[in-house]
PDB file of N, CA and C in Angstrom:
ATOM      1  N   MET A   1     147.922  50.847 190.603  1.00  0.00           N
ATOM      2  CA  MET A   1     147.495  51.616 189.466  1.00  0.00           C
ATOM      3  C   MET A   1     145.940  51.780 189.541  1.00  0.00           C
ATOM      4  N   ASN A   2     145.501  53.025 189.418  1.00  0.00           N
ATOM      5  CA  ASN A   2     144.087  53.253 189.432  1.00  0.00           C
ATOM      6  C   ASN A   2     143.473  53.130 188.051  1.00  0.00           C
ATOM      7  N   TYR A   3     142.292  52.641 187.982  1.00  0.00           N
ATOM      8  CA  TYR A   3     141.631  52.470 186.704  1.00  0.00           C
ATOM      9  C   TYR A   3     140.346  53.234 186.745  1.00  0.00           C
ATOM     10  N   ARG A   4     139.893  53.683 185.572  1.00  0.00           N
ATOM     11  CA  ARG A   4     138.691  54.445 185.471  1.00  0.00           C
ATOM     12  C   ARG A   4     137.544  53.599 185.975  1.00  0.00           C
ATOM     13  N   ASN A   5     136.683  54.183 186.828  1.00  0.00           N
ATOM     14  CA  ASN A   5     135.441  53.533 187.348  1.00  0.00           C
ATOM     15  C   ASN A   5     135.755  52.277 188.192  1.00  0.00           C
ATOM     16  N   CYS A   6     136.923  52.126 188.706  1.00  0.00           N
ATOM     17  CA  CYS A   6     137.267  50.980 189.532  1.00  0.00           C
ATOM     18  C   CYS A   6     137.975  51.425 190.784  1.00  0.00           C
ATOM     19  N   SER A   7     137.869  50.654 191.810  1.00  0.00           N
ATOM     20  CA  SER A   7     138.676  50.833 192.993  1.00  0.00           C
ATOM     21  C   SER A   7     139.036  49.466 193.522  1.00  0.00           C
ATOM     22  N   LYS A   8     139.987  49.371 194.414  1.00  0.00           N
ATOM     23  CA  LYS A   8     140.376  48.090 194.951  1.00  0.00           C
ATOM     24  C   LYS A   8     139.234  47.424 195.693  1.00  0.00           C
ATOM     25  N   LYS A   9     138.405  48.203 196.343  1.00  0.00           N
ATOM     26  CA  LYS A   9     137.332  47.620 197.186  1.00  0.00           C
ATOM     27  C   LYS A   9     136.089  47.211 196.331  1.00  0.00           C
ATOM     28  N   SER A  10     135.886  47.904 195.218  1.00  0.00           N
ATOM     29  CA  SER A  10     134.666  47.610 194.442  1.00  0.00           C
ATOM     30  C   SER A  10     134.925  46.418 193.491  1.00  0.00           C
ATOM     31  N   LYS A  11     133.861  45.783 193.108  1.00  0.00           N
ATOM     32  CA  LYS A  11     133.962  44.704 192.154  1.00  0.00           C
ATOM     33  C   LYS A  11     133.590  45.268 190.786  1.00  0.00           C
ATOM     34  N   CYS A  12     134.557  45.387 189.962  1.00  0.00           N
ATOM     35  CA  CYS A  12     134.371  45.987 188.634  1.00  0.00           C
ATOM     36  C   CYS A  12     133.732  44.930 187.722  1.00  0.00           C
ATOM     37  N   THR A  13     132.623  45.287 187.076  1.00  0.00           N
ATOM     38  CA  THR A  13     131.906  44.380 186.218  1.00  0.00           C
ATOM     39  C   THR A  13     132.219  44.594 184.756  1.00  0.00           C
ATOM     40  N   ARG A  14     133.035  45.593 184.481  1.00  0.00           N
ATOM     41  CA  ARG A  14     133.390  45.844 183.058  1.00  0.00           C
ATOM     42  C   ARG A  14     134.902  46.026 183.008  1.00  0.00           C
ATOM     43  N   LYS A  15     135.399  45.940 181.779  1.00  0.00           N
ATOM     44  CA  LYS A  15     136.845  46.115 181.604  1.00  0.00           C
ATOM     45  C   LYS A  15     137.194  47.557 181.844  1.00  0.00           C
ATOM     46  N   CYS A  16     138.261  47.730 182.582  1.00  0.00           N
ATOM     47  CA  CYS A  16     138.775  49.067 182.939  1.00  0.00           C
ATOM     48  C   CYS A  16     140.172  49.206 182.383  1.00  0.00           C
ATOM     49  N   PHE A  17     140.523  50.410 181.987  1.00  0.00           N
ATOM     50  CA  PHE A  17     141.811  50.670 181.385  1.00  0.00           C
ATOM     51  C   PHE A  17     142.524  51.804 182.132  1.00  0.00           C
ATOM     52  N   PRO A  18     143.868  51.754 182.175  1.00  0.00           N
ATOM     53  CA  PRO A  18     144.597  52.835 182.780  1.00  0.00           C
ATOM     54  C   PRO A  18     144.301  54.140 182.005  1.00  0.00           C
ATOM     55  N   VAL A  19     144.271  55.263 182.736  1.00  0.00           N
ATOM     56  CA  VAL A  19     143.956  56.554 182.139  1.00  0.00           C
ATOM     57  C   VAL A  19     145.292  57.277 181.963  1.00  0.00           C
ATOM     58  N   PRO A  20     145.649  57.646 180.704  1.00  0.00           N
ATOM     59  CA  PRO A  20     146.912  58.337 180.457  1.00  0.00           C
ATOM     60  C   PRO A  20     146.909  59.735 181.106  1.00  0.00           C
ATOM     61  N   LEU A  21     148.041  60.142 181.583  1.00  0.00           N
ATOM     62  CA  LEU A  21     148.189  61.517 182.141  1.00  0.00           C
ATOM     63  C   LEU A  21     148.048  62.506 181.007  1.00  0.00           C
ATOM     64  N   THR A  22     147.463  63.636 181.302  1.00  0.00           N
ATOM     65  CA  THR A  22     147.380  64.759 180.344  1.00  0.00           C
ATOM     66  C   THR A  22     148.641  65.607 180.468  1.00  0.00           C
ATOM     67  N   LYS A  23     148.885  66.473 179.491  1.00  0.00           N
ATOM     68  CA  LYS A  23     150.038  67.363 179.575  1.00  0.00           C
ATOM     69  C   LYS A  23     149.988  68.266 180.819  1.00  0.00           C
ATOM     70  N   PRO A  24     148.818  68.866 181.149  1.00  0.00           N
ATOM     71  CA  PRO A  24     148.799  69.679 182.379  1.00  0.00           C
ATOM     72  C   PRO A  24     149.102  68.867 183.651  1.00  0.00           C
ATOM     73  N   GLN A  25     148.701  67.602 183.695  1.00  0.00           N
ATOM     74  CA  GLN A  25     148.978  66.757 184.856  1.00  0.00           C
ATOM     75  C   GLN A  25     150.482  66.487 184.896  1.00  0.00           C
ATOM     76  N   VAL A  26     151.066  66.171 183.786  1.00  0.00           N
ATOM     77  CA  VAL A  26     152.521  65.932 183.703  1.00  0.00           C
ATOM     78  C   VAL A  26     153.261  67.179 184.176  1.00  0.00           C
ATOM     79  N   LYS A  27     152.853  68.325 183.689  1.00  0.00           N
ATOM     80  CA  LYS A  27     153.535  69.561 184.089  1.00  0.00           C
ATOM     81  C   LYS A  27     153.440  69.797 185.594  1.00  0.00           C
ATOM     82  N   ARG A  28     152.260  69.594 186.185  1.00  0.00           N
ATOM     83  CA  ARG A  28     152.088  69.759 187.626  1.00  0.00           C
ATOM     84  C   ARG A  28     153.001  68.798 188.387  1.00  0.00           C
ATOM     85  N   ILE A  29     153.069  67.587 187.921  1.00  0.00           N
ATOM     86  CA  ILE A  29     153.925  66.593 188.643  1.00  0.00           C
ATOM     87  C   ILE A  29     155.386  67.024 188.532  1.00  0.00           C
ATOM     88  N   LEU A  30     155.842  67.382 187.329  1.00  0.00           N
ATOM     89  CA  LEU A  30     157.227  67.765 187.191  1.00  0.00           C
ATOM     90  C   LEU A  30     157.535  69.027 188.045  1.00  0.00           C
ATOM     91  N   GLU A  31     156.604  69.988 188.024  1.00  0.00           N
ATOM     92  CA  GLU A  31     156.834  71.209 188.821  1.00  0.00           C
ATOM     93  C   GLU A  31     156.921  70.899 190.327  1.00  0.00           C
ATOM     94  N   SER A  32     156.168  69.878 190.768  1.00  0.00           N
ATOM     95  CA  SER A  32     156.180  69.519 192.180  1.00  0.00           C
ATOM     96  C   SER A  32     157.562  68.941 192.587  1.00  0.00           C
ATOM     97  N   PHE A  33     158.333  68.485 191.640  1.00  0.00           N
ATOM     98  CA  PHE A  33     159.670  67.901 191.961  1.00  0.00           C
ATOM     99  C   PHE A  33     160.792  68.951 191.806  1.00  0.00           C
ATOM    100  N   ASP A  34     160.436  70.156 191.443  1.00  0.00           N
ATOM    101  CA  ASP A  34     161.396  71.257 191.375  1.00  0.00           C
ATOM    102  C   ASP A  34     161.703  71.758 192.791  1.00  0.00           C
ATOM    103  N   ARG A  35     162.630  71.135 193.441  1.00  0.00           N
ATOM    104  CA  ARG A  35     162.871  71.354 194.890  1.00  0.00           C
ATOM    105  C   ARG A  35     163.316  72.786 195.220  1.00  0.00           C
ATOM    106  N   ASN A  36     164.116  73.418 194.377  1.00  0.00           N
ATOM    107  CA  ASN A  36     164.587  74.755 194.705  1.00  0.00           C
ATOM    108  C   ASN A  36     163.720  75.862 194.099  1.00  0.00           C
ATOM    109  N   GLY A  37     162.671  75.495 193.337  1.00  0.00           N
ATOM    110  CA  GLY A  37     161.731  76.470 192.813  1.00  0.00           C
ATOM    111  C   GLY A  37     162.292  77.370 191.695  1.00  0.00           C
ATOM    112  N   ASP A  38     163.305  76.910 190.990  1.00  0.00           N
ATOM    113  CA  ASP A  38     163.914  77.746 189.961  1.00  0.00           C
ATOM    114  C   ASP A  38     163.251  77.553 188.578  1.00  0.00           C
ATOM    115  N   GLY A  39     162.234  76.636 188.511  1.00  0.00           N
ATOM    116  CA  GLY A  39     161.583  76.436 187.245  1.00  0.00           C
ATOM    117  C   GLY A  39     162.307  75.462 186.326  1.00  0.00           C
ATOM    118  N   ARG A  40     163.339  74.845 186.789  1.00  0.00           N
ATOM    119  CA  ARG A  40     164.142  73.877 186.022  1.00  0.00           C
ATOM    120  C   ARG A  40     164.330  72.650 186.861  1.00  0.00           C
ATOM    121  N   LEU A  41     164.489  71.494 186.194  1.00  0.00           N
ATOM    122  CA  LEU A  41     164.722  70.259 186.929  1.00  0.00           C
ATOM    123  C   LEU A  41     166.135  69.760 186.729  1.00  0.00           C
ATOM    124  N   SER A  42     166.773  69.388 187.780  1.00  0.00           N
ATOM    125  CA  SER A  42     168.116  68.721 187.689  1.00  0.00           C
ATOM    126  C   SER A  42     167.836  67.281 187.222  1.00  0.00           C
ATOM    127  N   LYS A  43     168.898  66.598 186.887  1.00  0.00           N
ATOM    128  CA  LYS A  43     168.768  65.140 186.480  1.00  0.00           C
ATOM    129  C   LYS A  43     168.183  64.374 187.669  1.00  0.00           C
ATOM    130  N   GLN A  44     168.628  64.631 188.894  1.00  0.00           N
ATOM    131  CA  GLN A  44     168.109  63.893 190.040  1.00  0.00           C
ATOM    132  C   GLN A  44     166.638  64.216 190.264  1.00  0.00           C
ATOM    133  N   GLU A  45     166.223  65.445 190.149  1.00  0.00           N
ATOM    134  CA  GLU A  45     164.796  65.799 190.313  1.00  0.00           C
ATOM    135  C   GLU A  45     163.963  65.117 189.248  1.00  0.00           C
ATOM    136  N   LEU A  46     164.490  65.096 187.997  1.00  0.00           N
ATOM    137  CA  LEU A  46     163.776  64.410 186.908  1.00  0.00           C
ATOM    138  C   LEU A  46     163.689  62.922 187.137  1.00  0.00           C
ATOM    139  N   LYS A  47     164.751  62.298 187.622  1.00  0.00           N
ATOM    140  CA  LYS A  47     164.691  60.863 187.941  1.00  0.00           C
ATOM    141  C   LYS A  47     163.686  60.558 188.997  1.00  0.00           C
ATOM    142  N   SER A  48     163.608  61.416 190.014  1.00  0.00           N
ATOM    143  CA  SER A  48     162.614  61.219 191.098  1.00  0.00           C
ATOM    144  C   SER A  48     161.209  61.377 190.525  1.00  0.00           C
ATOM    145  N   ALA A  49     160.968  62.338 189.672  1.00  0.00           N
ATOM    146  CA  ALA A  49     159.659  62.522 189.082  1.00  0.00           C
ATOM    147  C   ALA A  49     159.262  61.347 188.217  1.00  0.00           C
ATOM    148  N   LEU A  50     160.179  60.847 187.406  1.00  0.00           N
ATOM    149  CA  LEU A  50     159.891  59.713 186.537  1.00  0.00           C
ATOM    150  C   LEU A  50     159.589  58.464 187.372  1.00  0.00           C
ATOM    151  N   TYR A  51     160.348  58.253 188.441  1.00  0.00           N
ATOM    152  CA  TYR A  51     160.095  57.123 189.340  1.00  0.00           C
ATOM    153  C   TYR A  51     158.710  57.249 189.934  1.00  0.00           C
ATOM    154  N   TYR A  52     158.350  58.434 190.356  1.00  0.00           N
ATOM    155  CA  TYR A  52     157.022  58.673 190.940  1.00  0.00           C
ATOM    156  C   TYR A  52     155.919  58.331 189.934  1.00  0.00           C
ATOM    157  N   MET A  53     156.137  58.618 188.662  1.00  0.00           N
ATOM    158  CA  MET A  53     155.109  58.358 187.642  1.00  0.00           C
ATOM    159  C   MET A  53     155.130  56.882 187.177  1.00  0.00           C
ATOM    160  N   GLY A  54     156.035  56.066 187.699  1.00  0.00           N
ATOM    161  CA  GLY A  54     155.987  54.659 187.386  1.00  0.00           C
ATOM    162  C   GLY A  54     157.008  54.189 186.400  1.00  0.00           C
ATOM    163  N   SER A  55     157.985  54.989 186.052  1.00  0.00           N
ATOM    164  CA  SER A  55     159.030  54.525 185.131  1.00  0.00           C
ATOM    165  C   SER A  55     159.799  53.376 185.731  1.00  0.00           C
ATOM    166  N   HIS A  56     160.021  52.373 184.914  1.00  0.00           N
ATOM    167  CA  HIS A  56     160.811  51.214 185.371  1.00  0.00           C
ATOM    168  C   HIS A  56     162.279  51.496 185.233  1.00  0.00           C
ATOM    169  N   VAL A  57     162.670  52.490 184.431  1.00  0.00           N
ATOM    170  CA  VAL A  57     164.047  52.829 184.210  1.00  0.00           C
ATOM    171  C   VAL A  57     164.220  54.388 184.249  1.00  0.00           C
ATOM    172  N   PRO A  58     163.968  54.983 185.447  1.00  0.00           N
ATOM    173  CA  PRO A  58     163.996  56.454 185.499  1.00  0.00           C
ATOM    174  C   PRO A  58     165.400  57.040 185.169  1.00  0.00           C
ATOM    175  N   SER A  59     166.439  56.353 185.548  1.00  0.00           N
ATOM    176  CA  SER A  59     167.769  56.886 185.201  1.00  0.00           C
ATOM    177  C   SER A  59     167.997  56.951 183.695  1.00  0.00           C
ATOM    178  N   TRP A  60     167.576  55.894 183.011  1.00  0.00           N
ATOM    179  CA  TRP A  60     167.722  55.879 181.559  1.00  0.00           C
ATOM    180  C   TRP A  60     166.821  56.945 180.907  1.00  0.00           C
ATOM    181  N   ARG A  61     165.586  57.043 181.355  1.00  0.00           N
ATOM    182  CA  ARG A  61     164.678  58.039 180.815  1.00  0.00           C
ATOM    183  C   ARG A  61     165.246  59.484 181.050  1.00  0.00           C
ATOM    184  N   ALA A  62     165.773  59.733 182.216  1.00  0.00           N
ATOM    185  CA  ALA A  62     166.352  61.054 182.544  1.00  0.00           C
ATOM    186  C   ALA A  62     167.525  61.347 181.633  1.00  0.00           C
ATOM    187  N   ALA A  63     168.331  60.317 181.351  1.00  0.00           N
ATOM    188  CA  ALA A  63     169.474  60.499 180.461  1.00  0.00           C
ATOM    189  C   ALA A  63     169.045  60.766 179.038  1.00  0.00           C
ATOM    190  N   GLN A  64     167.857  60.240 178.605  1.00  0.00           N
ATOM    191  CA  GLN A  64     167.363  60.431 177.273  1.00  0.00           C
ATOM    192  C   GLN A  64     166.852  61.845 177.036  1.00  0.00           C
ATOM    193  N   ALA A  65     166.459  62.539 178.105  1.00  0.00           N
ATOM    194  CA  ALA A  65     165.945  63.916 177.964  1.00  0.00           C
ATOM    195  C   ALA A  65     167.085  64.768 177.402  1.00  0.00           C
ATOM    196  N   LEU A  66     166.829  65.485 176.313  1.00  0.00           N
ATOM    197  CA  LEU A  66     167.906  66.246 175.686  1.00  0.00           C
ATOM    198  C   LEU A  66     168.382  67.380 176.568  1.00  0.00           C
ATOM    199  N   ASN A  67     167.454  68.138 177.169  1.00  0.00           N
ATOM    200  CA  ASN A  67     167.830  69.238 178.054  1.00  0.00           C
ATOM    201  C   ASN A  67     166.924  69.159 179.253  1.00  0.00           C
ATOM    202  N   PRO A  68     167.409  68.484 180.308  1.00  0.00           N
ATOM    203  CA  PRO A  68     166.512  68.187 181.437  1.00  0.00           C
ATOM    204  C   PRO A  68     165.992  69.426 182.167  1.00  0.00           C
ATOM    205  N   GLY A  69     166.572  70.592 181.920  1.00  0.00           N
ATOM    206  CA  GLY A  69     166.128  71.782 182.641  1.00  0.00           C
ATOM    207  C   GLY A  69     164.938  72.468 182.049  1.00  0.00           C
ATOM    208  N   GLU A  70     164.721  72.383 180.785  1.00  0.00           N
ATOM    209  CA  GLU A  70     163.632  73.143 180.103  1.00  0.00           C
ATOM    210  C   GLU A  70     162.284  72.455 180.339  1.00  0.00           C
ATOM    211  N   MET A  71     161.435  73.114 181.081  1.00  0.00           N
ATOM    212  CA  MET A  71     160.187  72.509 181.528  1.00  0.00           C
ATOM    213  C   MET A  71     159.263  72.121 180.391  1.00  0.00           C
ATOM    214  N   ASP A  72     159.066  73.009 179.405  1.00  0.00           N
ATOM    215  CA  ASP A  72     158.176  72.671 178.308  1.00  0.00           C
ATOM    216  C   ASP A  72     158.638  71.469 177.489  1.00  0.00           C
ATOM    217  N   ASP A  73     159.956  71.392 177.285  1.00  0.00           N
ATOM    218  CA  ASP A  73     160.517  70.228 176.559  1.00  0.00           C
ATOM    219  C   ASP A  73     160.331  68.972 177.389  1.00  0.00           C
ATOM    220  N   LEU A  74     160.546  69.063 178.676  1.00  0.00           N
ATOM    221  CA  LEU A  74     160.376  67.895 179.569  1.00  0.00           C
ATOM    222  C   LEU A  74     158.937  67.439 179.580  1.00  0.00           C
ATOM    223  N   VAL A  75     158.000  68.369 179.659  1.00  0.00           N
ATOM    224  CA  VAL A  75     156.578  68.004 179.649  1.00  0.00           C
ATOM    225  C   VAL A  75     156.247  67.215 178.381  1.00  0.00           C
ATOM    226  N   GLU A  76     156.691  67.687 177.252  1.00  0.00           N
ATOM    227  CA  GLU A  76     156.419  67.016 175.970  1.00  0.00           C
ATOM    228  C   GLU A  76     157.044  65.622 175.970  1.00  0.00           C
ATOM    229  N   TYR A  77     158.326  65.523 176.401  1.00  0.00           N
ATOM    230  CA  TYR A  77     159.042  64.229 176.409  1.00  0.00           C
ATOM    231  C   TYR A  77     158.341  63.221 177.315  1.00  0.00           C
ATOM    232  N   VAL A  78     158.047  63.665 178.544  1.00  0.00           N
ATOM    233  CA  VAL A  78     157.404  62.744 179.507  1.00  0.00           C
ATOM    234  C   VAL A  78     156.007  62.370 179.064  1.00  0.00           C
ATOM    235  N   TRP A  79     155.262  63.330 178.511  1.00  0.00           N
ATOM    236  CA  TRP A  79     153.893  63.047 178.055  1.00  0.00           C
ATOM    237  C   TRP A  79     153.939  61.985 176.939  1.00  0.00           C
ATOM    238  N   GLN A  80     154.924  62.040 176.056  1.00  0.00           N
ATOM    239  CA  GLN A  80     155.059  61.039 174.955  1.00  0.00           C
ATOM    240  C   GLN A  80     155.381  59.651 175.489  1.00  0.00           C
ATOM    241  N   CYS A  81     155.879  59.566 176.701  1.00  0.00           N
ATOM    242  CA  CYS A  81     156.177  58.253 177.299  1.00  0.00           C
ATOM    243  C   CYS A  81     154.912  57.540 177.778  1.00  0.00           C
ATOM    244  N   VAL A  82     153.788  58.252 177.760  1.00  0.00           N
ATOM    245  CA  VAL A  82     152.440  57.708 178.069  1.00  0.00           C
ATOM    246  C   VAL A  82     152.364  57.040 179.428  1.00  0.00           C
ATOM    247  N   TYR A  83     152.696  57.804 180.472  1.00  0.00           N
ATOM    248  CA  TYR A  83     152.483  57.324 181.821  1.00  0.00           C
ATOM    249  C   TYR A  83     150.963  57.402 182.137  1.00  0.00           C
ATOM    250  N   THR A  84     150.526  56.555 183.005  1.00  0.00           N
ATOM    251  CA  THR A  84     149.106  56.518 183.363  1.00  0.00           C
ATOM    252  C   THR A  84     148.883  56.972 184.820  1.00  0.00           C
ATOM    253  N   VAL A  85     147.658  57.312 185.147  1.00  0.00           N
ATOM    254  CA  VAL A  85     147.294  57.711 186.478  1.00  0.00           C
ATOM    255  C   VAL A  85     147.535  56.501 187.380  1.00  0.00           C
ATOM    256  N   SER A  86     148.230  56.776 188.462  1.00  0.00           N
ATOM    257  CA  SER A  86     148.491  55.676 189.420  1.00  0.00           C
ATOM    258  C   SER A  86     148.275  56.135 190.849  1.00  0.00           C
TER     259      SER A  86
END
């Protein structure tokens, strides 16, 4: 996990916190997992995207999405899960 103003090689002298993903970042990540380019995500594509973002239970999260195909709804749902930059 990356932290603001820190890297693995540097010695951080102040507390650093994970940086939450923004909605545009979430949207770009989800779009990158749209394998067939149809603008919609299958359950498997969504599970892969959630795993990539660090979900510990991507299958459960994907099942909780009301309509996994609608990109705007997915962006809102995933953004509310508060994944951080990793």
